Amino acid sequence: MRIFIYILIALSVIVIAYNVTVLNFDDLLGEDSAIALIGIICAACVIVLLSILLTSKAIDRKFKGKK
């Protein structure tokens, strides 16, 4: 499962990189730029949530190892 999570994090980074190229910095609230901003925010949320999942799995493994 850890490998799958790392793959999802890598895909999220790729999505962020693509959406940064779509951004029009002169008109950030324009149609295409707004969609790109939403994509960047969503991908960043995915990275945060998956990082929390990885951390909780690591804590769970350590807790089970002590019992």
N, C-alpha and C. Protein backbone atom coordinates (compact mmCIF):
# COMPACT_ATOMS: atom_id res chain seq x y z
N MET A 1 0.83 -1.19 0.00
CA MET A 1 0.00 0.00 0.00
C MET A 1 0.87 1.26 0.00
N ARG A 2 2.05 1.17 0.63
CA ARG A 2 2.92 2.34 0.67
C ARG A 2 3.35 2.76 -0.73
N ILE A 3 3.62 1.79 -1.58
CA ILE A 3 4.04 2.10 -2.95
C ILE A 3 2.91 2.80 -3.70
N PHE A 4 1.69 2.32 -3.51
CA PHE A 4 0.53 2.94 -4.16
C PHE A 4 0.35 4.38 -3.70
N ILE A 5 0.56 4.63 -2.41
CA ILE A 5 0.43 5.99 -1.88
C ILE A 5 1.51 6.89 -2.48
N TYR A 6 2.73 6.38 -2.59
CA TYR A 6 3.81 7.17 -3.19
C TYR A 6 3.53 7.46 -4.66
N ILE A 7 2.92 6.51 -5.36
CA ILE A 7 2.55 6.74 -6.76
C ILE A 7 1.49 7.83 -6.86
N LEU A 8 0.52 7.80 -5.96
CA LEU A 8 -0.52 8.84 -5.96
C LEU A 8 0.06 10.21 -5.64
N ILE A 9 1.02 10.27 -4.72
CA ILE A 9 1.66 11.54 -4.40
C ILE A 9 2.44 12.06 -5.62
N ALA A 10 3.13 11.16 -6.32
CA ALA A 10 3.86 11.56 -7.52
C ALA A 10 2.91 12.08 -8.60
N LEU A 11 1.77 11.41 -8.76
CA LEU A 11 0.78 11.88 -9.74
C LEU A 11 0.23 13.25 -9.35
N SER A 12 0.06 13.48 -8.07
CA SER A 12 -0.42 14.79 -7.61
C SER A 12 0.60 15.88 -7.91
N VAL A 13 1.87 15.57 -7.73
CA VAL A 13 2.91 16.54 -8.04
C VAL A 13 2.92 16.84 -9.55
N ILE A 14 2.70 15.82 -10.36
CA ILE A 14 2.64 16.02 -11.81
C ILE A 14 1.45 16.90 -12.18
N VAL A 15 0.31 16.68 -11.53
CA VAL A 15 -0.88 17.49 -11.78
C VAL A 15 -0.62 18.95 -11.38
N ILE A 16 0.06 19.15 -10.25
CA ILE A 16 0.39 20.52 -9.84
C ILE A 16 1.31 21.17 -10.87
N ALA A 17 2.31 20.44 -11.33
CA ALA A 17 3.24 20.99 -12.32
C ALA A 17 2.53 21.35 -13.62
N TYR A 18 1.62 20.51 -14.06
CA TYR A 18 0.87 20.80 -15.27
C TYR A 18 -0.01 22.03 -15.09
N ASN A 19 -0.70 22.11 -13.95
CA ASN A 19 -1.60 23.23 -13.73
C ASN A 19 -0.86 24.55 -13.58
N VAL A 20 0.37 24.50 -13.09
CA VAL A 20 1.16 25.73 -13.01
C VAL A 20 1.47 26.24 -14.42
N THR A 21 1.67 25.33 -15.37
CA THR A 21 1.93 25.76 -16.74
C THR A 21 0.69 26.34 -17.40
N VAL A 22 -0.50 25.96 -16.93
CA VAL A 22 -1.75 26.46 -17.50
C VAL A 22 -2.10 27.84 -16.95
N LEU A 23 -1.58 28.18 -15.78
CA LEU A 23 -1.91 29.46 -15.14
C LEU A 23 -1.52 30.63 -16.02
N ASN A 24 -2.39 31.61 -16.06
CA ASN A 24 -2.09 32.89 -16.69
C ASN A 24 -1.92 33.90 -15.55
N PHE A 25 -0.67 34.28 -15.28
CA PHE A 25 -0.38 35.11 -14.12
C PHE A 25 -0.89 36.54 -14.29
N ASP A 26 -1.22 36.95 -15.51
CA ASP A 26 -1.80 38.27 -15.71
C ASP A 26 -3.28 38.30 -15.32
N ASP A 27 -3.95 37.15 -15.44
CA ASP A 27 -5.38 37.07 -15.13
C ASP A 27 -5.62 35.78 -14.35
N LEU A 28 -5.28 35.79 -13.05
CA LEU A 28 -5.39 34.57 -12.24
C LEU A 28 -6.83 34.11 -12.03
N LEU A 29 -7.78 35.03 -12.11
CA LEU A 29 -9.17 34.64 -11.90
C LEU A 29 -9.93 34.45 -13.19
N GLY A 30 -9.21 34.36 -14.30
CA GLY A 30 -9.84 34.07 -15.58
C GLY A 30 -10.31 32.62 -15.61
N GLU A 31 -10.99 32.25 -16.70
CA GLU A 31 -11.61 30.92 -16.77
C GLU A 31 -10.60 29.79 -16.65
N ASP A 32 -9.58 29.79 -17.50
CA ASP A 32 -8.60 28.70 -17.47
C ASP A 32 -7.75 28.74 -16.21
N SER A 33 -7.39 29.93 -15.77
CA SER A 33 -6.56 30.05 -14.58
C SER A 33 -7.31 29.63 -13.32
N ALA A 34 -8.60 29.91 -13.25
CA ALA A 34 -9.38 29.52 -12.08
C ALA A 34 -9.46 27.99 -11.98
N ILE A 35 -9.65 27.35 -13.11
CA ILE A 35 -9.69 25.88 -13.12
C ILE A 35 -8.34 25.31 -12.71
N ALA A 36 -7.26 25.94 -13.19
CA ALA A 36 -5.91 25.48 -12.83
C ALA A 36 -5.66 25.69 -11.34
N LEU A 37 -6.12 26.81 -10.79
CA LEU A 37 -5.95 27.06 -9.35
C LEU A 37 -6.70 26.02 -8.52
N ILE A 38 -7.91 25.68 -8.95
CA ILE A 38 -8.68 24.66 -8.25
C ILE A 38 -7.95 23.32 -8.32
N GLY A 39 -7.37 23.00 -9.47
CA GLY A 39 -6.61 21.76 -9.61
C GLY A 39 -5.38 21.73 -8.72
N ILE A 40 -4.70 22.86 -8.60
CA ILE A 40 -3.53 22.93 -7.74
C ILE A 40 -3.92 22.74 -6.28
N ILE A 41 -4.99 23.39 -5.87
CA ILE A 41 -5.45 23.27 -4.47
C ILE A 41 -5.88 21.83 -4.17
N CYS A 42 -6.60 21.22 -5.09
CA CYS A 42 -7.05 19.83 -4.89
C CYS A 42 -5.87 18.87 -4.82
N ALA A 43 -4.90 19.03 -5.68
CA ALA A 43 -3.74 18.15 -5.67
C ALA A 43 -2.92 18.34 -4.39
N ALA A 44 -2.84 19.58 -3.93
CA ALA A 44 -2.13 19.84 -2.67
C ALA A 44 -2.85 19.18 -1.50
N CYS A 45 -4.18 19.21 -1.51
CA CYS A 45 -4.96 18.54 -0.46
C CYS A 45 -4.73 17.03 -0.50
N VAL A 46 -4.64 16.47 -1.69
CA VAL A 46 -4.37 15.03 -1.82
C VAL A 46 -3.02 14.70 -1.20
N ILE A 47 -2.02 15.52 -1.46
CA ILE A 47 -0.69 15.28 -0.91
C ILE A 47 -0.73 15.34 0.61
N VAL A 48 -1.43 16.32 1.17
CA VAL A 48 -1.52 16.45 2.63
C VAL A 48 -2.23 15.24 3.23
N LEU A 49 -3.35 14.85 2.64
CA LEU A 49 -4.11 13.71 3.17
C LEU A 49 -3.33 12.40 3.08
N LEU A 50 -2.63 12.19 1.98
CA LEU A 50 -1.84 10.97 1.85
C LEU A 50 -0.65 10.97 2.80
N SER A 51 -0.09 12.14 3.06
CA SER A 51 1.00 12.23 4.03
C SER A 51 0.49 11.90 5.44
N ILE A 52 -0.69 12.36 5.77
CA ILE A 52 -1.30 12.02 7.05
C ILE A 52 -1.54 10.51 7.14
N LEU A 53 -2.00 9.92 6.04
CA LEU A 53 -2.23 8.47 6.02
C LEU A 53 -0.93 7.71 6.22
N LEU A 54 0.14 8.14 5.54
CA LEU A 54 1.44 7.48 5.71
C LEU A 54 1.92 7.59 7.16
N THR A 55 1.75 8.75 7.76
CA THR A 55 2.18 8.95 9.14
C THR A 55 1.37 8.08 10.09
N SER A 56 0.07 8.00 9.88
CA SER A 56 -0.76 7.18 10.76
C SER A 56 -0.44 5.69 10.61
N LYS A 57 -0.12 5.26 9.39
CA LYS A 57 0.27 3.87 9.19
C LYS A 57 1.60 3.57 9.89
N ALA A 58 2.54 4.52 9.86
CA ALA A 58 3.83 4.32 10.53
C ALA A 58 3.64 4.25 12.05
N ILE A 59 2.78 5.10 12.57
CA ILE A 59 2.50 5.06 14.02
C ILE A 59 1.83 3.74 14.39
N ASP A 60 0.91 3.28 13.54
CA ASP A 60 0.22 2.02 13.81
C ASP A 60 1.20 0.84 13.81
N ARG A 61 2.16 0.85 12.87
CA ARG A 61 3.16 -0.23 12.84
C ARG A 61 4.03 -0.21 14.10
N LYS A 62 4.41 0.96 14.56
CA LYS A 62 5.23 1.07 15.77
C LYS A 62 4.44 0.65 17.00
N PHE A 63 3.18 1.00 17.04
CA PHE A 63 2.34 0.65 18.18
C PHE A 63 2.10 -0.84 18.25
N LYS A 64 1.88 -1.48 17.11
CA LYS A 64 1.68 -2.93 17.07
C LYS A 64 2.97 -3.67 17.40
N GLY A 65 4.10 -3.07 17.06
CA GLY A 65 5.39 -3.71 17.34
C GLY A 65 5.72 -3.74 18.82
N LYS A 66 5.18 -2.81 19.61
CA LYS A 66 5.46 -2.78 21.05
C LYS A 66 4.59 -3.75 21.83
N LYS A 67 3.49 -4.19 21.24
CA LYS A 67 2.61 -5.10 21.98
C LYS A 67 3.05 -6.51 21.88
